[in-house]
PDB file of N, CA and C in Angstrom:
ATOM      1  N   MET A   1      14.007  -5.105   5.524  1.00  0.00           N
ATOM      2  CA  MET A   1      14.739  -4.064   4.815  1.00  0.00           C
ATOM      3  C   MET A   1      14.045  -3.783   3.492  1.00  0.00           C
ATOM      4  N   ILE A   2      13.753  -2.531   3.232  1.00  0.00           N
ATOM      5  CA  ILE A   2      13.050  -2.185   1.996  1.00  0.00           C
ATOM      6  C   ILE A   2      13.917  -1.358   1.047  1.00  0.00           C
ATOM      7  N   GLN A   3      15.175  -1.225   1.353  1.00  0.00           N
ATOM      8  CA  GLN A   3      16.061  -0.434   0.500  1.00  0.00           C
ATOM      9  C   GLN A   3      16.049  -0.976  -0.919  1.00  0.00           C
ATOM     10  N   GLY A   4      15.823  -0.087  -1.884  1.00  0.00           N
ATOM     11  CA  GLY A   4      15.809  -0.454  -3.286  1.00  0.00           C
ATOM     12  C   GLY A   4      14.508  -1.065  -3.772  1.00  0.00           C
ATOM     13  N   LYS A   5      13.570  -1.326  -2.878  1.00  0.00           N
ATOM     14  CA  LYS A   5      12.288  -1.917  -3.267  1.00  0.00           C
ATOM     15  C   LYS A   5      11.367  -0.838  -3.813  1.00  0.00           C
ATOM     16  N   ARG A   6      10.638  -1.198  -4.846  1.00  0.00           N
ATOM     17  CA  ARG A   6       9.663  -0.286  -5.451  1.00  0.00           C
ATOM     18  C   ARG A   6       8.314  -0.537  -4.785  1.00  0.00           C
ATOM     19  N   ILE A   7       7.782   0.504  -4.131  1.00  0.00           N
ATOM     20  CA  ILE A   7       6.550   0.384  -3.356  1.00  0.00           C
ATOM     21  C   ILE A   7       5.482   1.291  -3.981  1.00  0.00           C
ATOM     22  N   LEU A   8       4.412   0.678  -4.470  1.00  0.00           N
ATOM     23  CA  LEU A   8       3.293   1.446  -5.007  1.00  0.00           C
ATOM     24  C   LEU A   8       2.494   2.034  -3.847  1.00  0.00           C
ATOM     25  N   VAL A   9       2.241   3.327  -3.915  1.00  0.00           N
ATOM     26  CA  VAL A   9       1.465   4.028  -2.894  1.00  0.00           C
ATOM     27  C   VAL A   9       0.082   4.321  -3.471  1.00  0.00           C
ATOM     28  N   VAL A  10      -0.936   3.715  -2.863  1.00  0.00           N
ATOM     29  CA  VAL A  10      -2.326   3.943  -3.259  1.00  0.00           C
ATOM     30  C   VAL A  10      -2.990   4.668  -2.092  1.00  0.00           C
ATOM     31  N   GLU A  11      -3.173   5.967  -2.245  1.00  0.00           N
ATOM     32  CA  GLU A  11      -3.679   6.826  -1.165  1.00  0.00           C
ATOM     33  C   GLU A  11      -4.367   8.022  -1.797  1.00  0.00           C
ATOM     34  N   ASP A  12      -5.603   8.322  -1.365  1.00  0.00           N
ATOM     35  CA  ASP A  12      -6.365   9.404  -1.984  1.00  0.00           C
ATOM     36  C   ASP A  12      -6.134  10.775  -1.365  1.00  0.00           C
ATOM     37  N   GLU A  13      -5.528  10.857  -0.208  1.00  0.00           N
ATOM     38  CA  GLU A  13      -5.224  12.143   0.417  1.00  0.00           C
ATOM     39  C   GLU A  13      -3.808  12.554   0.036  1.00  0.00           C
ATOM     40  N   PHE A  14      -3.673  13.644  -0.707  1.00  0.00           N
ATOM     41  CA  PHE A  14      -2.377  14.032  -1.250  1.00  0.00           C
ATOM     42  C   PHE A  14      -1.317  14.229  -0.161  1.00  0.00           C
ATOM     43  N   ILE A  15      -1.665  14.937   0.906  1.00  0.00           N
ATOM     44  CA  ILE A  15      -0.686  15.208   1.962  1.00  0.00           C
ATOM     45  C   ILE A  15      -0.225  13.905   2.607  1.00  0.00           C
ATOM     46  N   VAL A  16      -1.155  13.005   2.871  1.00  0.00           N
ATOM     47  CA  VAL A  16      -0.818  11.709   3.465  1.00  0.00           C
ATOM     48  C   VAL A  16       0.083  10.926   2.512  1.00  0.00           C
ATOM     49  N   ALA A  17      -0.272  10.939   1.220  1.00  0.00           N
ATOM     50  CA  ALA A  17       0.535  10.229   0.223  1.00  0.00           C
ATOM     51  C   ALA A  17       1.946  10.807   0.143  1.00  0.00           C
ATOM     52  N   ALA A  18       2.058  12.120   0.180  1.00  0.00           N
ATOM     53  CA  ALA A  18       3.380  12.763   0.110  1.00  0.00           C
ATOM     54  C   ALA A  18       4.232  12.387   1.327  1.00  0.00           C
ATOM     55  N   MET A  19       3.631  12.381   2.505  1.00  0.00           N
ATOM     56  CA  MET A  19       4.369  12.006   3.708  1.00  0.00           C
ATOM     57  C   MET A  19       4.776  10.536   3.654  1.00  0.00           C
ATOM     58  N   LEU A  20       3.902   9.708   3.149  1.00  0.00           N
ATOM     59  CA  LEU A  20       4.202   8.286   3.006  1.00  0.00           C
ATOM     60  C   LEU A  20       5.368   8.073   2.043  1.00  0.00           C
ATOM     61  N   CYS A  21       5.348   8.773   0.929  1.00  0.00           N
ATOM     62  CA  CYS A  21       6.449   8.674  -0.043  1.00  0.00           C
ATOM     63  C   CYS A  21       7.766   9.149   0.574  1.00  0.00           C
ATOM     64  N   ASP A  22       7.717  10.221   1.357  1.00  0.00           N
ATOM     65  CA  ASP A  22       8.919  10.713   2.041  1.00  0.00           C
ATOM     66  C   ASP A  22       9.473   9.654   2.988  1.00  0.00           C
ATOM     67  N   THR A  23       8.592   8.999   3.740  1.00  0.00           N
ATOM     68  CA  THR A  23       9.019   7.952   4.673  1.00  0.00           C
ATOM     69  C   THR A  23       9.689   6.809   3.923  1.00  0.00           C
ATOM     70  N   LEU A  24       9.098   6.400   2.815  1.00  0.00           N
ATOM     71  CA  LEU A  24       9.680   5.317   2.019  1.00  0.00           C
ATOM     72  C   LEU A  24      11.054   5.711   1.478  1.00  0.00           C
ATOM     73  N   GLU A  25      11.168   6.927   0.962  1.00  0.00           N
ATOM     74  CA  GLU A  25      12.450   7.400   0.442  1.00  0.00           C
ATOM     75  C   GLU A  25      13.505   7.461   1.539  1.00  0.00           C
ATOM     76  N   ASP A  26      13.098   7.886   2.733  1.00  0.00           N
ATOM     77  CA  ASP A  26      14.037   7.950   3.861  1.00  0.00           C
ATOM     78  C   ASP A  26      14.608   6.575   4.187  1.00  0.00           C
ATOM     79  N   GLU A  27      13.864   5.521   3.887  1.00  0.00           N
ATOM     80  CA  GLU A  27      14.302   4.144   4.149  1.00  0.00           C
ATOM     81  C   GLU A  27      14.992   3.519   2.941  1.00  0.00           C
ATOM     82  N   GLY A  28      15.166   4.306   1.871  1.00  0.00           N
ATOM     83  CA  GLY A  28      15.862   3.815   0.691  1.00  0.00           C
ATOM     84  C   GLY A  28      14.988   3.108  -0.317  1.00  0.00           C
ATOM     85  N   ALA A  29      13.675   3.121  -0.090  1.00  0.00           N
ATOM     86  CA  ALA A  29      12.753   2.520  -1.051  1.00  0.00           C
ATOM     87  C   ALA A  29      12.462   3.514  -2.168  1.00  0.00           C
ATOM     88  N   VAL A  30      11.862   3.017  -3.229  1.00  0.00           N
ATOM     89  CA  VAL A  30      11.487   3.853  -4.365  1.00  0.00           C
ATOM     90  C   VAL A  30       9.967   3.893  -4.433  1.00  0.00           C
ATOM     91  N   PRO A  31       9.352   5.006  -4.015  1.00  0.00           N
ATOM     92  CA  PRO A  31       7.896   5.083  -4.099  1.00  0.00           C
ATOM     93  C   PRO A  31       7.442   5.152  -5.548  1.00  0.00           C
ATOM     94  N   VAL A  32       6.385   4.439  -5.845  1.00  0.00           N
ATOM     95  CA  VAL A  32       5.751   4.477  -7.162  1.00  0.00           C
ATOM     96  C   VAL A  32       4.387   5.113  -6.947  1.00  0.00           C
ATOM     97  N   GLY A  33       4.059   6.096  -7.774  1.00  0.00           N
ATOM     98  CA  GLY A  33       2.816   6.835  -7.576  1.00  0.00           C
ATOM     99  C   GLY A  33       3.123   8.125  -6.842  1.00  0.00           C
ATOM    100  N   PRO A  34       2.201   8.575  -6.069  1.00  0.00           N
ATOM    101  CA  PRO A  34       1.002   7.897  -5.603  1.00  0.00           C
ATOM    102  C   PRO A  34      -0.134   7.935  -6.612  1.00  0.00           C
ATOM    103  N   VAL A  35      -1.031   6.986  -6.443  1.00  0.00           N
ATOM    104  CA  VAL A  35      -2.291   6.988  -7.179  1.00  0.00           C
ATOM    105  C   VAL A  35      -3.414   7.075  -6.152  1.00  0.00           C
ATOM    106  N   GLY A  36      -4.474   7.786  -6.517  1.00  0.00           N
ATOM    107  CA  GLY A  36      -5.510   8.060  -5.533  1.00  0.00           C
ATOM    108  C   GLY A  36      -6.916   7.682  -5.909  1.00  0.00           C
ATOM    109  N   ARG A  37      -7.076   7.034  -7.039  1.00  0.00           N
ATOM    110  CA  ARG A  37      -8.427   6.636  -7.466  1.00  0.00           C
ATOM    111  C   ARG A  37      -8.421   5.168  -7.869  1.00  0.00           C
ATOM    112  N   LEU A  38      -9.574   4.554  -7.776  1.00  0.00           N
ATOM    113  CA  LEU A  38      -9.710   3.125  -8.033  1.00  0.00           C
ATOM    114  C   LEU A  38      -9.205   2.746  -9.428  1.00  0.00           C
ATOM    115  N   GLY A  39      -9.654   3.444 -10.448  1.00  0.00           N
ATOM    116  CA  GLY A  39      -9.243   3.128 -11.817  1.00  0.00           C
ATOM    117  C   GLY A  39      -7.755   3.275 -12.034  1.00  0.00           C
ATOM    118  N   GLU A  40      -7.178   4.352 -11.489  1.00  0.00           N
ATOM    119  CA  GLU A  40      -5.731   4.567 -11.604  1.00  0.00           C
ATOM    120  C   GLU A  40      -4.966   3.436 -10.929  1.00  0.00           C
ATOM    121  N   ALA A  41      -5.455   3.014  -9.769  1.00  0.00           N
ATOM    122  CA  ALA A  41      -4.777   1.949  -9.029  1.00  0.00           C
ATOM    123  C   ALA A  41      -4.846   0.630  -9.792  1.00  0.00           C
ATOM    124  N   LEU A  42      -5.997   0.321 -10.357  1.00  0.00           N
ATOM    125  CA  LEU A  42      -6.131  -0.917 -11.137  1.00  0.00           C
ATOM    126  C   LEU A  42      -5.219  -0.890 -12.359  1.00  0.00           C
ATOM    127  N   ASP A  43      -5.106   0.270 -13.001  1.00  0.00           N
ATOM    128  CA  ASP A  43      -4.183   0.413 -14.134  1.00  0.00           C
ATOM    129  C   ASP A  43      -2.744   0.197 -13.691  1.00  0.00           C
ATOM    130  N   ALA A  44      -2.371   0.752 -12.533  1.00  0.00           N
ATOM    131  CA  ALA A  44      -1.012   0.599 -12.020  1.00  0.00           C
ATOM    132  C   ALA A  44      -0.717  -0.863 -11.700  1.00  0.00           C
ATOM    133  N   VAL A  45      -1.677  -1.553 -11.104  1.00  0.00           N
ATOM    134  CA  VAL A  45      -1.487  -2.972 -10.783  1.00  0.00           C
ATOM    135  C   VAL A  45      -1.309  -3.767 -12.069  1.00  0.00           C
ATOM    136  N   ALA A  46      -2.111  -3.472 -13.070  1.00  0.00           N
ATOM    137  CA  ALA A  46      -2.000  -4.176 -14.350  1.00  0.00           C
ATOM    138  C   ALA A  46      -0.647  -3.925 -15.003  1.00  0.00           C
ATOM    139  N   ALA A  47      -0.115  -2.708 -14.854  1.00  0.00           N
ATOM    140  CA  ALA A  47       1.175  -2.366 -15.456  1.00  0.00           C
ATOM    141  C   ALA A  47       2.336  -3.006 -14.704  1.00  0.00           C
ATOM    142  N   GLY A  48       2.182  -3.201 -13.393  1.00  0.00           N
ATOM    143  CA  GLY A  48       3.227  -3.837 -12.586  1.00  0.00           C
ATOM    144  C   GLY A  48       4.437  -2.941 -12.400  1.00  0.00           C
ATOM    145  N   GLY A  49       5.573  -3.574 -12.097  1.00  0.00           N
ATOM    146  CA  GLY A  49       6.818  -2.832 -11.922  1.00  0.00           C
ATOM    147  C   GLY A  49       7.097  -2.392 -10.506  1.00  0.00           C
ATOM    148  N   PHE A  50       6.476  -3.039  -9.527  1.00  0.00           N
ATOM    149  CA  PHE A  50       6.725  -2.712  -8.132  1.00  0.00           C
ATOM    150  C   PHE A  50       6.780  -4.006  -7.330  1.00  0.00           C
ATOM    151  N   ASP A  51       7.327  -3.900  -6.104  1.00  0.00           N
ATOM    152  CA  ASP A  51       7.554  -5.070  -5.261  1.00  0.00           C
ATOM    153  C   ASP A  51       6.488  -5.281  -4.197  1.00  0.00           C
ATOM    154  N   ALA A  52       5.827  -4.214  -3.789  1.00  0.00           N
ATOM    155  CA  ALA A  52       4.802  -4.277  -2.750  1.00  0.00           C
ATOM    156  C   ALA A  52       3.944  -3.023  -2.851  1.00  0.00           C
ATOM    157  N   VAL A  53       2.863  -3.009  -2.069  1.00  0.00           N
ATOM    158  CA  VAL A  53       1.902  -1.907  -2.150  1.00  0.00           C
ATOM    159  C   VAL A  53       1.455  -1.501  -0.752  1.00  0.00           C
ATOM    160  N   VAL A  54       1.292  -0.194  -0.558  1.00  0.00           N
ATOM    161  CA  VAL A  54       0.568   0.332   0.593  1.00  0.00           C
ATOM    162  C   VAL A  54      -0.786   0.757   0.031  1.00  0.00           C
ATOM    163  N   LEU A  55      -1.849   0.096   0.493  1.00  0.00           N
ATOM    164  CA  LEU A  55      -3.181   0.237  -0.099  1.00  0.00           C
ATOM    165  C   LEU A  55      -4.160   0.868   0.879  1.00  0.00           C
ATOM    166  N   ASP A  56      -4.543   2.106   0.614  1.00  0.00           N
ATOM    167  CA  ASP A  56      -5.607   2.760   1.370  1.00  0.00           C
ATOM    168  C   ASP A  56      -6.899   1.999   1.083  1.00  0.00           C
ATOM    169  N   TRP A  57      -7.614   1.604   2.127  1.00  0.00           N
ATOM    170  CA  TRP A  57      -8.776   0.736   1.953  1.00  0.00           C
ATOM    171  C   TRP A  57     -10.009   1.486   1.469  1.00  0.00           C
ATOM    172  N   ASN A  58      -9.994   2.804   1.533  1.00  0.00           N
ATOM    173  CA  ASN A  58     -11.128   3.602   1.085  1.00  0.00           C
ATOM    174  C   ASN A  58     -10.585   4.728   0.216  1.00  0.00           C
ATOM    175  N   LEU A  59     -10.840   4.643  -1.078  1.00  0.00           N
ATOM    176  CA  LEU A  59     -10.344   5.653  -2.020  1.00  0.00           C
ATOM    177  C   LEU A  59     -11.500   6.535  -2.468  1.00  0.00           C
ATOM    178  N   ALA A  60     -11.553   7.736  -1.937  1.00  0.00           N
ATOM    179  CA  ALA A  60     -12.585   8.703  -2.304  1.00  0.00           C
ATOM    180  C   ALA A  60     -13.979   8.075  -2.211  1.00  0.00           C
ATOM    181  N   GLY A  61     -14.207   7.314  -1.149  1.00  0.00           N
ATOM    182  CA  GLY A  61     -15.515   6.707  -0.926  1.00  0.00           C
ATOM    183  C   GLY A  61     -15.716   5.356  -1.579  1.00  0.00           C
ATOM    184  N   GLU A  62     -14.744   4.890  -2.356  1.00  0.00           N
ATOM    185  CA  GLU A  62     -14.856   3.586  -3.009  1.00  0.00           C
ATOM    186  C   GLU A  62     -13.980   2.572  -2.274  1.00  0.00           C
ATOM    187  N   PRO A  63     -14.527   1.379  -1.999  1.00  0.00           N
ATOM    188  CA  PRO A  63     -13.700   0.355  -1.346  1.00  0.00           C
ATOM    189  C   PRO A  63     -12.607  -0.141  -2.282  1.00  0.00           C
ATOM    190  N   SER A  64     -11.481  -0.496  -1.701  1.00  0.00           N
ATOM    191  CA  SER A  64     -10.320  -0.956  -2.473  1.00  0.00           C
ATOM    192  C   SER A  64     -10.316  -2.466  -2.699  1.00  0.00           C
ATOM    193  N   LEU A  65     -11.426  -3.102  -2.460  1.00  0.00           N
ATOM    194  CA  LEU A  65     -11.525  -4.546  -2.623  1.00  0.00           C
ATOM    195  C   LEU A  65     -11.087  -5.030  -4.004  1.00  0.00           C
ATOM    196  N   PRO A  66     -11.477  -4.369  -5.116  1.00  0.00           N
ATOM    197  CA  PRO A  66     -11.017  -4.841  -6.428  1.00  0.00           C
ATOM    198  C   PRO A  66      -9.504  -4.747  -6.604  1.00  0.00           C
ATOM    199  N   ILE A  67      -8.891  -3.749  -5.983  1.00  0.00           N
ATOM    200  CA  ILE A  67      -7.435  -3.603  -6.070  1.00  0.00           C
ATOM    201  C   ILE A  67      -6.767  -4.733  -5.290  1.00  0.00           C
ATOM    202  N   ALA A  68      -7.273  -4.991  -4.090  1.00  0.00           N
ATOM    203  CA  ALA A  68      -6.727  -6.078  -3.277  1.00  0.00           C
ATOM    204  C   ALA A  68      -6.842  -7.411  -4.010  1.00  0.00           C
ATOM    205  N   ALA A  69      -7.974  -7.629  -4.667  1.00  0.00           N
ATOM    206  CA  ALA A  69      -8.171  -8.885  -5.410  1.00  0.00           C
ATOM    207  C   ALA A  69      -7.164  -8.992  -6.550  1.00  0.00           C
ATOM    208  N   ALA A  70      -6.938  -7.898  -7.266  1.00  0.00           N
ATOM    209  CA  ALA A  70      -5.979  -7.908  -8.379  1.00  0.00           C
ATOM    210  C   ALA A  70      -4.560  -8.158  -7.871  1.00  0.00           C
ATOM    211  N   LEU A  71      -4.208  -7.555  -6.740  1.00  0.00           N
ATOM    212  CA  LEU A  71      -2.876  -7.769  -6.159  1.00  0.00           C
ATOM    213  C   LEU A  71      -2.709  -9.218  -5.711  1.00  0.00           C
ATOM    214  N   ALA A  72      -3.718  -9.749  -5.043  1.00  0.00           N
ATOM    215  CA  ALA A  72      -3.652 -11.132  -4.570  1.00  0.00           C
ATOM    216  C   ALA A  72      -3.532 -12.099  -5.744  1.00  0.00           C
ATOM    217  N   GLU A  73      -4.262 -11.831  -6.804  1.00  0.00           N
ATOM    218  CA  GLU A  73      -4.219 -12.682  -8.003  1.00  0.00           C
ATOM    219  C   GLU A  73      -2.820 -12.713  -8.600  1.00  0.00           C
ATOM    220  N   ARG A  74      -2.107 -11.593  -8.503  1.00  0.00           N
ATOM    221  CA  ARG A  74      -0.753 -11.500  -9.065  1.00  0.00           C
ATOM    222  C   ARG A  74       0.335 -11.871  -8.051  1.00  0.00           C
ATOM    223  N   GLY A  75      -0.058 -12.169  -6.825  1.00  0.00           N
ATOM    224  CA  GLY A  75       0.918 -12.543  -5.804  1.00  0.00           C
ATOM    225  C   GLY A  75       1.762 -11.383  -5.308  1.00  0.00           C
ATOM    226  N   ILE A  76       1.235 -10.174  -5.401  1.00  0.00           N
ATOM    227  CA  ILE A  76       1.969  -8.981  -4.966  1.00  0.00           C
ATOM    228  C   ILE A  76       1.588  -8.682  -3.513  1.00  0.00           C
ATOM    229  N   PRO A  77       2.570  -8.612  -2.611  1.00  0.00           N
ATOM    230  CA  PRO A  77       2.250  -8.341  -1.209  1.00  0.00           C
ATOM    231  C   PRO A  77       1.768  -6.910  -1.013  1.00  0.00           C
ATOM    232  N   PHE A  78       0.839  -6.753  -0.060  1.00  0.00           N
ATOM    233  CA  PHE A  78       0.335  -5.414   0.226  1.00  0.00           C
ATOM    234  C   PHE A  78      -0.049  -5.270   1.686  1.00  0.00           C
ATOM    235  N   VAL A  79       0.106  -4.034   2.160  1.00  0.00           N
ATOM    236  CA  VAL A  79      -0.322  -3.622   3.489  1.00  0.00           C
ATOM    237  C   VAL A  79      -1.574  -2.780   3.295  1.00  0.00           C
ATOM    238  N   ILE A  80      -2.606  -3.080   4.058  1.00  0.00           N
ATOM    239  CA  ILE A  80      -3.847  -2.315   3.979  1.00  0.00           C
ATOM    240  C   ILE A  80      -3.803  -1.195   5.009  1.00  0.00           C
ATOM    241  N   ALA A  81      -3.994   0.027   4.545  1.00  0.00           N
ATOM    242  CA  ALA A  81      -4.030   1.191   5.425  1.00  0.00           C
ATOM    243  C   ALA A  81      -5.485   1.591   5.634  1.00  0.00           C
ATOM    244  N   THR A  82      -5.879   1.686   6.894  1.00  0.00           N
ATOM    245  CA  THR A  82      -7.261   2.041   7.193  1.00  0.00           C
ATOM    246  C   THR A  82      -7.363   2.719   8.551  1.00  0.00           C
ATOM    247  N   GLY A  83      -8.298   3.614   8.644  1.00  0.00           N
ATOM    248  CA  GLY A  83      -8.597   4.236   9.920  1.00  0.00           C
ATOM    249  C   GLY A  83      -9.697   3.503  10.657  1.00  0.00           C
ATOM    250  N   TYR A  84     -10.228   2.444  10.049  1.00  0.00           N
ATOM    251  CA  TYR A  84     -11.352   1.712  10.631  1.00  0.00           C
ATOM    252  C   TYR A  84     -10.921   0.539  11.498  1.00  0.00           C
ATOM    253  N   GLY A  85      -9.644   0.174  11.471  1.00  0.00           N
ATOM    254  CA  GLY A  85      -9.138  -0.874  12.337  1.00  0.00           C
ATOM    255  C   GLY A  85      -9.192  -2.273  11.765  1.00  0.00           C
ATOM    256  N   SER A  86     -10.098  -2.524  10.834  1.00  0.00           N
ATOM    257  CA  SER A  86     -10.193  -3.856  10.232  1.00  0.00           C
ATOM    258  C   SER A  86     -10.817  -3.727   8.852  1.00  0.00           C
ATOM    259  N   VAL A  87     -10.732  -4.811   8.099  1.00  0.00           N
ATOM    260  CA  VAL A  87     -11.348  -4.872   6.776  1.00  0.00           C
ATOM    261  C   VAL A  87     -12.107  -6.185   6.655  1.00  0.00           C
ATOM    262  N   GLU A  88     -12.943  -6.262   5.633  1.00  0.00           N
ATOM    263  CA  GLU A  88     -13.771  -7.452   5.459  1.00  0.00           C
ATOM    264  C   GLU A  88     -12.995  -8.590   4.799  1.00  0.00           C
ATOM    265  N   ALA A  89     -13.541  -9.796   4.960  1.00  0.00           N
ATOM    266  CA  ALA A  89     -12.989 -10.977   4.287  1.00  0.00           C
ATOM    267  C   ALA A  89     -13.109 -10.762   2.785  1.00  0.00           C
ATOM    268  N   PRO A  90     -12.249 -11.332   2.002  1.00  0.00           N
ATOM    269  CA  PRO A  90     -11.233 -12.319   2.343  1.00  0.00           C
ATOM    270  C   PRO A  90      -9.864 -11.715   2.667  1.00  0.00           C
ATOM    271  N   PHE A  91      -9.798 -10.414   2.876  1.00  0.00           N
ATOM    272  CA  PHE A  91      -8.505  -9.765   3.091  1.00  0.00           C
ATOM    273  C   PHE A  91      -8.265  -9.373   4.547  1.00  0.00           C
ATOM    274  N   ASN A  92      -9.091  -9.851   5.455  1.00  0.00           N
ATOM    275  CA  ASN A  92      -8.942  -9.505   6.863  1.00  0.00           C
ATOM    276  C   ASN A  92      -7.744 -10.187   7.518  1.00  0.00           C
ATOM    277  N   ASP A  93      -7.067 -11.069   6.781  1.00  0.00           N
ATOM    278  CA  ASP A  93      -5.852 -11.692   7.312  1.00  0.00           C
ATOM    279  C   ASP A  93      -4.583 -10.993   6.821  1.00  0.00           C
ATOM    280  N   ARG A  94      -4.728  -9.958   6.022  1.00  0.00           N
ATOM    281  CA  ARG A  94      -3.566  -9.215   5.500  1.00  0.00           C
ATOM    282  C   ARG A  94      -3.054  -8.245   6.554  1.00  0.00           C
ATOM    283  N   PRO A  95      -1.787  -7.835   6.433  1.00  0.00           N
ATOM    284  CA  PRO A  95      -1.265  -6.846   7.382  1.00  0.00           C
ATOM    285  C   PRO A  95      -2.053  -5.542   7.300  1.00  0.00           C
ATOM    286  N   ILE A  96      -2.427  -5.040   8.469  1.00  0.00           N
ATOM    287  CA  ILE A  96      -3.202  -3.802   8.569  1.00  0.00           C
ATOM    288  C   ILE A  96      -2.309  -2.720   9.168  1.00  0.00           C
ATOM    289  N   LEU A  97      -2.362  -1.554   8.567  1.00  0.00           N
ATOM    290  CA  LEU A  97      -1.640  -0.385   9.055  1.00  0.00           C
ATOM    291  C   LEU A  97      -2.684   0.651   9.443  1.00  0.00           C
ATOM    292  N   GLY A  98      -2.731   0.986  10.732  1.00  0.00           N
ATOM    293  CA  GLY A  98      -3.695   1.976  11.197  1.00  0.00           C
ATOM    294  C   GLY A  98      -3.324   3.374  10.751  1.00  0.00           C
ATOM    295  N   LYS A  99      -4.347   4.181  10.573  1.00  0.00           N
ATOM    296  CA  LYS A  99      -4.146   5.601  10.282  1.00  0.00           C
ATOM    297  C   LYS A  99      -4.489   6.365  11.545  1.00  0.00           C
ATOM    298  N   PRO A 100      -3.758   7.389  11.886  1.00  0.00           N
ATOM    299  CA  PRO A 100      -2.635   7.928  11.127  1.00  0.00           C
ATOM    300  C   PRO A 100      -1.434   6.982  11.164  1.00  0.00           C
ATOM    301  N   TYR A 101      -0.625   7.078  10.112  1.00  0.00           N
ATOM    302  CA  TYR A 101       0.533   6.199   9.959  1.00  0.00           C
ATOM    303  C   TYR A 101       1.561   6.425  11.049  1.00  0.00           C
ATOM    304  N   ILE A 102       2.143   5.342  11.509  1.00  0.00           N
ATOM    305  CA  ILE A 102       3.322   5.388  12.367  1.00  0.00           C
ATOM    306  C   ILE A 102       4.448   4.801  11.520  1.00  0.00           C
ATOM    307  N   SER A 103       5.417   5.629  11.211  1.00  0.00           N
ATOM    308  CA  SER A 103       6.466   5.259  10.253  1.00  0.00           C
ATOM    309  C   SER A 103       7.117   3.921  10.579  1.00  0.00           C
ATOM    310  N   GLY A 104       7.466   3.696  11.838  1.00  0.00           N
ATOM    311  CA  GLY A 104       8.133   2.458  12.222  1.00  0.00           C
ATOM    312  C   GLY A 104       7.281   1.231  11.929  1.00  0.00           C
ATOM    313  N   GLN A 105       5.978   1.339  12.165  1.00  0.00           N
ATOM    314  CA  GLN A 105       5.081   0.210  11.883  1.00  0.00           C
ATOM    315  C   GLN A 105       4.983  -0.047  10.383  1.00  0.00           C
ATOM    316  N   LEU A 106       4.908   1.016   9.607  1.00  0.00           N
ATOM    317  CA  LEU A 106       4.864   0.881   8.151  1.00  0.00           C
ATOM    318  C   LEU A 106       6.093   0.146   7.641  1.00  0.00           C
ATOM    319  N   ILE A 107       7.263   0.587   8.072  1.00  0.00           N
ATOM    320  CA  ILE A 107       8.507  -0.013   7.597  1.00  0.00           C
ATOM    321  C   ILE A 107       8.608  -1.465   8.051  1.00  0.00           C
ATOM    322  N   ALA A 108       8.204  -1.745   9.285  1.00  0.00           N
ATOM    323  CA  ALA A 108       8.249  -3.122   9.792  1.00  0.00           C
ATOM    324  C   ALA A 108       7.348  -4.045   8.976  1.00  0.00           C
ATOM    325  N   LYS A 109       6.146  -3.592   8.662  1.00  0.00           N
ATOM    326  CA  LYS A 109       5.203  -4.424   7.903  1.00  0.00           C
ATOM    327  C   LYS A 109       5.706  -4.663   6.480  1.00  0.00           C
ATOM    328  N   LEU A 110       6.247  -3.637   5.849  1.00  0.00           N
ATOM    329  CA  LEU A 110       6.793  -3.804   4.505  1.00  0.00           C
ATOM    330  C   LEU A 110       8.040  -4.685   4.530  1.00  0.00           C
ATOM    331  N   SER A 111       8.904  -4.474   5.504  1.00  0.00           N
ATOM    332  CA  SER A 111      10.144  -5.252   5.592  1.00  0.00           C
ATOM    333  C   SER A 111       9.851  -6.738   5.763  1.00  0.00           C
ATOM    334  N   ALA A 112       8.785  -7.068   6.444  1.00  0.00           N
ATOM    335  CA  ALA A 112       8.435  -8.482   6.662  1.00  0.00           C
ATOM    336  C   ALA A 112       8.200  -9.215   5.343  1.00  0.00           C
ATOM    337  N   PHE A 113       7.788  -8.511   4.320  1.00  0.00           N
ATOM    338  CA  PHE A 113       7.568  -9.134   3.005  1.00  0.00           C
ATOM    339  C   PHE A 113       8.880  -9.623   2.380  1.00  0.00           C
ATOM    340  N   PHE A 114       9.982  -8.996   2.747  1.00  0.00           N
ATOM    341  CA  PHE A 114      11.248  -9.249   2.048  1.00  0.00           C
ATOM    342  C   PHE A 114      12.280  -9.978   2.887  1.00  0.00           C
ATOM    343  N   GLN A 115      11.895 -10.465   4.052  1.00  0.00           N
ATOM    344  CA  GLN A 115      12.822 -11.233   4.880  1.00  0.00           C
ATOM    345  C   GLN A 115      12.958 -12.647   4.319  1.00  0.00           C
ATOM    346  N   ALA A 116      14.186 -13.128   4.285  1.00  0.00           N
ATOM    347  CA  ALA A 116      14.432 -14.459   3.729  1.00  0.00           C
ATOM    348  C   ALA A 116      14.072 -15.547   4.699  1.00  0.00           C
TER     349      ALA A 116
END
């Protein structure tokens, strides 16, 4: 259940980010962002104020590895969104969300972070 959870959306495609935010709102979550560039995402992670992250693995041609490292360092759970099917170590054990997004899979992966 993600109702009331603040979810940072890191996605460089505006339409995809908007649809993702709509899906989160439909489930009662509070989308934060979206942010679409590496520097913006790192600033958002440093500022905090969210419970989990949906992280696009490729932001305008830049890998999201530094963002994943910052999230892991802070203990913030994240789902990696990618159209490539997998990501490199050390984050290849994190939940992967294939693109295009399937809303039910997104919600299931995020909800797993908050199950007692």
